[in-house]
Amino acid sequence: MMAEPMAHRHSVDEYLETIYFLAFPIGEYTPYPTGSPTLSTRVAEMLGVSRASAGEMLKRLEADGLIERGERKEALLTPAGRERAEKVVRKHRIIERMLTDFLGYTAAEAHVHADELGDTFSEEMVDRIAERLGQPERCPHGWPVDTELEQSENRELAPLSDLRPGDRATIVRLAEHDGELLHWFYEQGLEPGRELEVRAFEPAAEQMTVRLNGSERAIGDRAAACLFVRRMA
């Protein structure tokens, strides 16, 4: 059997970062209900590897004491796993800011390169970068550098797909796991800080229409689920 070329490019830290995002969505962590995709399936989808490769890595993480199985066999970050995952997340976001603020990369480009560079920076280097950047509060895509703030803020946000016609909101964060989608967000002007209004919701077409910067545009369900917003009064 031919080995997957991408399977060996993802480090333990990248897997922990992915599990972290699944464990702390917009809202509190809850085990996956019956019938939903297994953790290995969701991790495999986000990293672009096979379920078998993801399953093997999850076994390794469990053996290393970084995750444990819950009552429904779902994977939970252990205290050690959570601490390491949060350090990885913070490092990624600070490197993104370095790439955009110092080197002139676009926000979408910075995400790709931050993944590539993550293992090359020590914690001490990241602390120095953060100091030179003036201790940035957020990455270019709106995610707080402080993971405690991120988890607290989760309760205030909702995916755009939850809104209905007449609702107005401010974009706060952009999901990062899909590089092509992330580029599309910026091409469409769907950036953190932008205000929009939902004009129409069309379930049959799996899309909604929003008004942004004085014009209307259609956003598919998949993209709307990856835009995290704060509702406006």
C-alpha atoms as a PDB file:
ATOM      1  CA  MET A   1       0.000   0.000   0.000  1.00  0.00           C
ATOM      2  CA  MET A   2       1.331   3.424  -0.933  1.00  0.00           C
ATOM      3  CA  ALA A   3       1.914   5.721   2.022  1.00  0.00           C
ATOM      4  CA  GLU A   4      -0.042   8.933   2.164  1.00  0.00           C
ATOM      5  CA  PRO A   5       2.329  11.814   1.347  1.00  0.00           C
ATOM      6  CA  MET A   6       0.475  14.209   3.638  1.00  0.00           C
ATOM      7  CA  ALA A   7       0.037  11.810   6.539  1.00  0.00           C
ATOM      8  CA  HIS A   8       3.610  12.184   7.772  1.00  0.00           C
ATOM      9  CA  ARG A   9       3.714  15.972   7.528  1.00  0.00           C
ATOM     10  CA  HIS A  10       1.416  16.567  10.449  1.00  0.00           C
ATOM     11  CA  SER A  11       3.113  16.664  13.826  1.00  0.00           C
ATOM     12  CA  VAL A  12       1.717  15.801  17.235  1.00  0.00           C
ATOM     13  CA  ASP A  13       1.277  19.526  17.841  1.00  0.00           C
ATOM     14  CA  GLU A  14      -0.818  19.935  14.681  1.00  0.00           C
ATOM     15  CA  TYR A  15      -3.083  17.104  15.793  1.00  0.00           C
ATOM     16  CA  LEU A  16      -3.428  18.634  19.250  1.00  0.00           C
ATOM     17  CA  GLU A  17      -4.252  21.999  17.696  1.00  0.00           C
ATOM     18  CA  THR A  18      -6.973  20.363  15.601  1.00  0.00           C
ATOM     19  CA  ILE A  19      -8.430  18.498  18.584  1.00  0.00           C
ATOM     20  CA  TYR A  20      -8.376  21.745  20.542  1.00  0.00           C
ATOM     21  CA  PHE A  21     -10.607  23.422  17.951  1.00  0.00           C
ATOM     22  CA  LEU A  22     -13.020  20.506  18.067  1.00  0.00           C
ATOM     23  CA  ALA A  23     -13.022  20.508  21.865  1.00  0.00           C
ATOM     24  CA  PHE A  24     -13.640  24.251  22.163  1.00  0.00           C
ATOM     25  CA  PRO A  25     -16.034  25.266  19.410  1.00  0.00           C
ATOM     26  CA  ILE A  26     -18.202  28.356  19.668  1.00  0.00           C
ATOM     27  CA  GLY A  27     -19.681  27.139  22.924  1.00  0.00           C
ATOM     28  CA  GLU A  28     -18.637  24.637  25.545  1.00  0.00           C
ATOM     29  CA  TYR A  29     -17.238  21.191  24.775  1.00  0.00           C
ATOM     30  CA  THR A  30     -19.879  18.486  24.505  1.00  0.00           C
ATOM     31  CA  PRO A  31     -19.410  14.852  23.442  1.00  0.00           C
ATOM     32  CA  TYR A  32     -20.567  14.121  19.939  1.00  0.00           C
ATOM     33  CA  PRO A  33     -24.152  12.817  19.856  1.00  0.00           C
ATOM     34  CA  THR A  34     -25.031   9.405  18.475  1.00  0.00           C
ATOM     35  CA  GLY A  35     -24.834   9.354  14.693  1.00  0.00           C
ATOM     36  CA  SER A  36     -22.393  12.250  14.339  1.00  0.00           C
ATOM     37  CA  PRO A  37     -18.932  11.732  12.766  1.00  0.00           C
ATOM     38  CA  THR A  38     -16.331  10.172  15.032  1.00  0.00           C
ATOM     39  CA  LEU A  39     -13.413  12.268  16.240  1.00  0.00           C
ATOM     40  CA  SER A  40     -10.984  10.437  13.954  1.00  0.00           C
ATOM     41  CA  THR A  41     -13.219  11.255  10.984  1.00  0.00           C
ATOM     42  CA  ARG A  42     -13.421  14.938  11.867  1.00  0.00           C
ATOM     43  CA  VAL A  43      -9.676  15.212  12.534  1.00  0.00           C
ATOM     44  CA  ALA A  44      -8.945  13.402   9.253  1.00  0.00           C
ATOM     45  CA  GLU A  45     -11.180  15.823   7.343  1.00  0.00           C
ATOM     46  CA  MET A  46      -9.563  18.895   8.883  1.00  0.00           C
ATOM     47  CA  LEU A  47      -5.996  17.677   8.290  1.00  0.00           C
ATOM     48  CA  GLY A  48      -6.594  16.051   4.914  1.00  0.00           C
ATOM     49  CA  VAL A  49      -5.437  12.579   5.965  1.00  0.00           C
ATOM     50  CA  SER A  50      -7.097   9.175   6.027  1.00  0.00           C
ATOM     51  CA  ARG A  51      -9.205   7.986   8.966  1.00  0.00           C
ATOM     52  CA  ALA A  52      -6.636   5.242   9.532  1.00  0.00           C
ATOM     53  CA  SER A  53      -3.793   7.760   9.840  1.00  0.00           C
ATOM     54  CA  ALA A  54      -5.832   9.933  12.202  1.00  0.00           C
ATOM     55  CA  GLY A  55      -6.813   6.894  14.251  1.00  0.00           C
ATOM     56  CA  GLU A  56      -3.193   5.817  14.651  1.00  0.00           C
ATOM     57  CA  MET A  57      -2.155   9.274  15.818  1.00  0.00           C
ATOM     58  CA  LEU A  58      -5.040   9.410  18.308  1.00  0.00           C
ATOM     59  CA  LYS A  59      -3.834   6.111  19.763  1.00  0.00           C
ATOM     60  CA  ARG A  60      -0.359   7.609  20.106  1.00  0.00           C
ATOM     61  CA  LEU A  61      -1.730  10.725  21.812  1.00  0.00           C
ATOM     62  CA  GLU A  62      -3.700   8.564  24.223  1.00  0.00           C
ATOM     63  CA  ALA A  63      -0.624   6.443  25.003  1.00  0.00           C
ATOM     64  CA  ASP A  64       1.350   9.648  25.652  1.00  0.00           C
ATOM     65  CA  GLY A  65      -1.282  10.885  28.106  1.00  0.00           C
ATOM     66  CA  LEU A  66      -2.356  13.833  25.966  1.00  0.00           C
ATOM     67  CA  ILE A  67      -5.924  12.660  25.348  1.00  0.00           C
ATOM     68  CA  GLU A  68      -8.264  10.227  27.084  1.00  0.00           C
ATOM     69  CA  ARG A  69     -11.505   8.542  26.128  1.00  0.00           C
ATOM     70  CA  GLY A  70     -14.824   9.692  27.567  1.00  0.00           C
ATOM     71  CA  GLU A  71     -17.921   7.656  28.332  1.00  0.00           C
ATOM     72  CA  ARG A  72     -18.886   7.547  24.661  1.00  0.00           C
ATOM     73  CA  LYS A  73     -15.313   6.847  23.534  1.00  0.00           C
ATOM     74  CA  GLU A  74     -14.886  10.461  22.442  1.00  0.00           C
ATOM     75  CA  ALA A  75     -11.410  11.943  22.843  1.00  0.00           C
ATOM     76  CA  LEU A  76     -10.913  14.497  25.598  1.00  0.00           C
ATOM     77  CA  LEU A  77      -7.784  16.552  26.123  1.00  0.00           C
ATOM     78  CA  THR A  78      -6.062  15.688  29.369  1.00  0.00           C
ATOM     79  CA  PRO A  79      -4.699  18.578  31.476  1.00  0.00           C
ATOM     80  CA  ALA A  80      -1.279  17.969  29.921  1.00  0.00           C
ATOM     81  CA  GLY A  81      -2.766  17.751  26.440  1.00  0.00           C
ATOM     82  CA  ARG A  82      -4.779  20.912  26.893  1.00  0.00           C
ATOM     83  CA  GLU A  83      -1.785  22.861  28.200  1.00  0.00           C
ATOM     84  CA  ARG A  84       0.341  21.795  25.236  1.00  0.00           C
ATOM     85  CA  ALA A  85      -2.462  22.458  22.747  1.00  0.00           C
ATOM     86  CA  GLU A  86      -3.004  25.975  24.095  1.00  0.00           C
ATOM     87  CA  LYS A  87       0.710  26.733  23.733  1.00  0.00           C
ATOM     88  CA  VAL A  88       0.596  25.520  20.127  1.00  0.00           C
ATOM     89  CA  VAL A  89      -2.445  27.688  19.388  1.00  0.00           C
ATOM     90  CA  ARG A  90      -0.835  30.775  20.942  1.00  0.00           C
ATOM     91  CA  LYS A  91       2.388  30.193  18.991  1.00  0.00           C
ATOM     92  CA  HIS A  92       0.504  29.847  15.714  1.00  0.00           C
ATOM     93  CA  ARG A  93      -1.381  33.100  16.200  1.00  0.00           C
ATOM     94  CA  ILE A  94       1.685  35.103  17.159  1.00  0.00           C
ATOM     95  CA  ILE A  95       3.633  33.768  14.173  1.00  0.00           C
ATOM     96  CA  GLU A  96       0.734  34.801  11.928  1.00  0.00           C
ATOM     97  CA  ARG A  97       0.965  38.325  13.290  1.00  0.00           C
ATOM     98  CA  MET A  98       4.709  38.390  12.721  1.00  0.00           C
ATOM     99  CA  LEU A  99       4.191  37.330   9.111  1.00  0.00           C
ATOM    100  CA  THR A 100       1.548  39.975   8.432  1.00  0.00           C
ATOM    101  CA  ASP A 101       2.941  42.829  10.545  1.00  0.00           C
ATOM    102  CA  PHE A 102       6.665  42.423   9.837  1.00  0.00           C
ATOM    103  CA  LEU A 103       6.941  40.529   6.546  1.00  0.00           C
ATOM    104  CA  GLY A 104       3.943  41.815   4.654  1.00  0.00           C
ATOM    105  CA  TYR A 105       2.169  38.526   3.992  1.00  0.00           C
ATOM    106  CA  THR A 106      -1.573  38.600   3.517  1.00  0.00           C
ATOM    107  CA  ALA A 107      -3.680  37.236   6.360  1.00  0.00           C
ATOM    108  CA  ALA A 108      -4.585  34.144   4.326  1.00  0.00           C
ATOM    109  CA  GLU A 109      -0.943  33.486   3.362  1.00  0.00           C
ATOM    110  CA  ALA A 110       0.158  33.909   6.962  1.00  0.00           C
ATOM    111  CA  HIS A 111      -2.003  31.012   8.119  1.00  0.00           C
ATOM    112  CA  VAL A 112      -0.353  28.573   5.701  1.00  0.00           C
ATOM    113  CA  HIS A 113       3.179  29.681   6.540  1.00  0.00           C
ATOM    114  CA  ALA A 114       2.506  29.692  10.288  1.00  0.00           C
ATOM    115  CA  ASP A 115       1.666  25.980  10.051  1.00  0.00           C
ATOM    116  CA  GLU A 116       4.955  25.368   8.252  1.00  0.00           C
ATOM    117  CA  LEU A 117       7.025  27.415  10.721  1.00  0.00           C
ATOM    118  CA  GLY A 118       5.441  26.361  13.998  1.00  0.00           C
ATOM    119  CA  ASP A 119       7.968  23.648  14.904  1.00  0.00           C
ATOM    120  CA  THR A 120      10.937  25.932  14.185  1.00  0.00           C
ATOM    121  CA  PHE A 121      10.174  28.461  16.949  1.00  0.00           C
ATOM    122  CA  SER A 122      10.782  27.798  20.631  1.00  0.00           C
ATOM    123  CA  GLU A 123       8.521  29.179  23.354  1.00  0.00           C
ATOM    124  CA  GLU A 124      11.223  31.719  24.245  1.00  0.00           C
ATOM    125  CA  MET A 125      11.350  32.922  20.637  1.00  0.00           C
ATOM    126  CA  VAL A 126       7.569  33.257  20.526  1.00  0.00           C
ATOM    127  CA  ASP A 127       7.614  35.318  23.730  1.00  0.00           C
ATOM    128  CA  ARG A 128      10.198  37.653  22.181  1.00  0.00           C
ATOM    129  CA  ILE A 129       8.170  37.999  18.998  1.00  0.00           C
ATOM    130  CA  ALA A 130       5.048  38.803  21.010  1.00  0.00           C
ATOM    131  CA  GLU A 131       6.961  41.469  22.929  1.00  0.00           C
ATOM    132  CA  ARG A 132       8.287  43.065  19.734  1.00  0.00           C
ATOM    133  CA  LEU A 133       4.750  43.046  18.308  1.00  0.00           C
ATOM    134  CA  GLY A 134       3.442  44.865  21.377  1.00  0.00           C
ATOM    135  CA  GLN A 135       1.651  41.818  22.784  1.00  0.00           C
ATOM    136  CA  PRO A 136      -1.032  41.525  20.064  1.00  0.00           C
ATOM    137  CA  GLU A 137      -4.473  40.566  21.310  1.00  0.00           C
ATOM    138  CA  ARG A 138      -5.624  38.707  18.181  1.00  0.00           C
ATOM    139  CA  CYS A 139      -4.321  36.904  15.138  1.00  0.00           C
ATOM    140  CA  PRO A 140      -5.126  38.385  11.695  1.00  0.00           C
ATOM    141  CA  HIS A 141      -8.282  36.256  11.514  1.00  0.00           C
ATOM    142  CA  GLY A 142      -9.718  37.555  14.789  1.00  0.00           C
ATOM    143  CA  TRP A 143      -8.856  34.703  17.163  1.00  0.00           C
ATOM    144  CA  PRO A 144      -7.586  35.846  20.592  1.00  0.00           C
ATOM    145  CA  VAL A 145      -3.956  35.050  21.354  1.00  0.00           C
ATOM    146  CA  ASP A 146      -5.033  34.428  24.963  1.00  0.00           C
ATOM    147  CA  THR A 147      -6.847  31.085  24.850  1.00  0.00           C
ATOM    148  CA  GLU A 148      -8.723  31.836  28.074  1.00  0.00           C
ATOM    149  CA  LEU A 149     -10.190  34.930  26.421  1.00  0.00           C
ATOM    150  CA  GLU A 150     -11.030  32.854  23.352  1.00  0.00           C
ATOM    151  CA  GLN A 151     -12.943  30.263  25.366  1.00  0.00           C
ATOM    152  CA  SER A 152     -14.795  32.939  27.324  1.00  0.00           C
ATOM    153  CA  GLU A 153     -15.648  34.881  24.164  1.00  0.00           C
ATOM    154  CA  ASN A 154     -17.011  31.735  22.523  1.00  0.00           C
ATOM    155  CA  ARG A 155     -20.223  32.180  24.491  1.00  0.00           C
ATOM    156  CA  GLU A 156     -20.801  35.600  22.920  1.00  0.00           C
ATOM    157  CA  LEU A 157     -20.445  34.479  19.310  1.00  0.00           C
ATOM    158  CA  ALA A 158     -22.432  32.459  16.807  1.00  0.00           C
ATOM    159  CA  PRO A 159     -21.790  31.216  13.287  1.00  0.00           C
ATOM    160  CA  LEU A 160     -23.332  33.427  10.630  1.00  0.00           C
ATOM    161  CA  SER A 161     -25.423  30.433   9.580  1.00  0.00           C
ATOM    162  CA  ASP A 162     -27.446  30.806  12.813  1.00  0.00           C
ATOM    163  CA  LEU A 163     -28.708  34.285  11.834  1.00  0.00           C
ATOM    164  CA  ARG A 164     -31.924  35.023  10.013  1.00  0.00           C
ATOM    165  CA  PRO A 165     -33.227  37.859   7.789  1.00  0.00           C
ATOM    166  CA  GLY A 166     -33.087  41.218   9.541  1.00  0.00           C
ATOM    167  CA  ASP A 167     -30.282  40.187  11.898  1.00  0.00           C
ATOM    168  CA  ARG A 168     -27.236  42.453  11.934  1.00  0.00           C
ATOM    169  CA  ALA A 169     -23.819  41.396  13.184  1.00  0.00           C
ATOM    170  CA  THR A 170     -20.121  42.171  13.297  1.00  0.00           C
ATOM    171  CA  ILE A 171     -17.659  39.586  12.004  1.00  0.00           C
ATOM    172  CA  VAL A 172     -15.290  38.629  14.829  1.00  0.00           C
ATOM    173  CA  ARG A 173     -13.446  35.512  13.636  1.00  0.00           C
ATOM    174  CA  LEU A 174     -12.839  33.494  10.479  1.00  0.00           C
ATOM    175  CA  ALA A 175     -12.411  29.713  10.592  1.00  0.00           C
ATOM    176  CA  GLU A 176      -8.914  28.776   9.460  1.00  0.00           C
ATOM    177  CA  HIS A 177      -9.008  25.035   8.757  1.00  0.00           C
ATOM    178  CA  ASP A 178      -9.843  25.454   5.048  1.00  0.00           C
ATOM    179  CA  GLY A 179      -7.190  27.523   3.295  1.00  0.00           C
ATOM    180  CA  GLU A 180      -9.178  28.015   0.087  1.00  0.00           C
ATOM    181  CA  LEU A 181     -12.219  29.193   2.020  1.00  0.00           C
ATOM    182  CA  LEU A 182     -10.051  31.544   4.084  1.00  0.00           C
ATOM    183  CA  HIS A 183      -8.722  33.141   0.891  1.00  0.00           C
ATOM    184  CA  TRP A 184     -12.304  33.482  -0.390  1.00  0.00           C
ATOM    185  CA  PHE A 185     -13.373  35.315   2.767  1.00  0.00           C
ATOM    186  CA  TYR A 186     -10.741  37.989   2.190  1.00  0.00           C
ATOM    187  CA  GLU A 187     -11.491  38.229  -1.523  1.00  0.00           C
ATOM    188  CA  GLN A 188     -15.132  38.915  -0.622  1.00  0.00           C
ATOM    189  CA  GLY A 189     -14.284  41.485   2.045  1.00  0.00           C
ATOM    190  CA  LEU A 190     -15.560  39.197   4.813  1.00  0.00           C
ATOM    191  CA  GLU A 191     -12.986  40.272   7.387  1.00  0.00           C
ATOM    192  CA  PRO A 192     -12.986  40.704  11.161  1.00  0.00           C
ATOM    193  CA  GLY A 193     -14.573  43.996  12.140  1.00  0.00           C
ATOM    194  CA  ARG A 194     -16.889  44.243   9.125  1.00  0.00           C
ATOM    195  CA  GLU A 195     -20.597  44.724   9.771  1.00  0.00           C
ATOM    196  CA  LEU A 196     -23.252  42.911   7.762  1.00  0.00           C
ATOM    197  CA  GLU A 197     -26.993  42.334   7.650  1.00  0.00           C
ATOM    198  CA  VAL A 198     -28.758  39.134   6.651  1.00  0.00           C
ATOM    199  CA  ARG A 199     -31.198  39.987   3.868  1.00  0.00           C
ATOM    200  CA  ALA A 200     -32.531  36.559   2.902  1.00  0.00           C
ATOM    201  CA  PHE A 201     -32.212  32.941   3.989  1.00  0.00           C
ATOM    202  CA  GLU A 202     -32.795  30.219   1.405  1.00  0.00           C
ATOM    203  CA  PRO A 203     -32.613  26.711   2.935  1.00  0.00           C
ATOM    204  CA  ALA A 204     -33.442  24.967  -0.342  1.00  0.00           C
ATOM    205  CA  ALA A 205     -30.485  26.646  -2.037  1.00  0.00           C
ATOM    206  CA  GLU A 206     -28.290  26.184   1.057  1.00  0.00           C
ATOM    207  CA  GLN A 207     -27.306  29.820   1.088  1.00  0.00           C
ATOM    208  CA  MET A 208     -28.129  33.228   2.512  1.00  0.00           C
ATOM    209  CA  THR A 209     -27.866  36.739   1.128  1.00  0.00           C
ATOM    210  CA  VAL A 210     -26.113  39.406   3.179  1.00  0.00           C
ATOM    211  CA  ARG A 211     -25.584  43.133   2.734  1.00  0.00           C
ATOM    212  CA  LEU A 212     -21.945  44.118   3.187  1.00  0.00           C
ATOM    213  CA  ASN A 213     -20.243  47.394   2.277  1.00  0.00           C
ATOM    214  CA  GLY A 214     -23.329  48.639   0.495  1.00  0.00           C
ATOM    215  CA  SER A 215     -23.821  45.611  -1.744  1.00  0.00           C
ATOM    216  CA  GLU A 216     -25.494  42.227  -1.475  1.00  0.00           C
ATOM    217  CA  ARG A 217     -23.804  38.881  -1.929  1.00  0.00           C
ATOM    218  CA  ALA A 218     -24.710  35.224  -1.530  1.00  0.00           C
ATOM    219  CA  ILE A 219     -22.920  33.076   1.029  1.00  0.00           C
ATOM    220  CA  GLY A 220     -23.276  29.295   1.032  1.00  0.00           C
ATOM    221  CA  ASP A 221     -24.093  27.362   4.194  1.00  0.00           C
ATOM    222  CA  ARG A 222     -20.581  25.947   4.469  1.00  0.00           C
ATOM    223  CA  ALA A 223     -18.972  29.371   4.360  1.00  0.00           C
ATOM    224  CA  ALA A 224     -21.602  30.900   6.675  1.00  0.00           C
ATOM    225  CA  ALA A 225     -20.868  28.210   9.267  1.00  0.00           C
ATOM    226  CA  CYS A 226     -17.207  29.296   9.275  1.00  0.00           C
ATOM    227  CA  LEU A 227     -17.846  33.009   9.892  1.00  0.00           C
ATOM    228  CA  PHE A 228     -18.221  33.722  13.607  1.00  0.00           C
ATOM    229  CA  VAL A 229     -20.099  36.886  14.456  1.00  0.00           C
ATOM    230  CA  ARG A 230     -21.413  38.961  17.331  1.00  0.00           C
ATOM    231  CA  ARG A 231     -25.050  39.955  16.949  1.00  0.00           C
ATOM    232  CA  MET A 232     -25.858  43.664  17.049  1.00  0.00           C
ATOM    233  CA  ALA A 233     -28.891  45.124  18.780  1.00  0.00           C
END
